[in-house]
Amino acid sequence: MCWAMDDFRKVSSHHSIRFTSRVSSRGQVVVPKELRKELGIEEGDQLIFFLDDQGDMHLELEKRKSITQVFGTLQSDKPFQSVEDLRKNVYRSKAVEELGNEDATIQ
């Protein structure tokens, strides 16, 4: 089977790096530290395994996205609420739910 990573960077123009890892009894594989560092693999990133028509296995890296990277990608005609306003609304909803008082004031 071929182990390939799209966008794999060669250390020099003369050779590439080869890493070995074992599959645990639970089916887990440790990505070697040097490879994680070279490719910028971090906790939360996804590795996608797939087989092509020739039976070669390929691996793609999908980086985890932070909220700041996806901010603005969702379209809405409603203005965004601040965290403080969201928190107050949650507390108010809980107060109404638990106390049955629709006129509850949260400070």
Foldseek 3Di string as FASTA:
>chain_A
DAEEEPPQDAPDPPDRDDDDWDQDPVRDTDDDPVSCVRVVPDPPKDWDWDADPVRHIYIYIGGDDDCVRCPPVDDDPDDDDDPVVVVQVVVQVVCCVVVVDNPDDDD
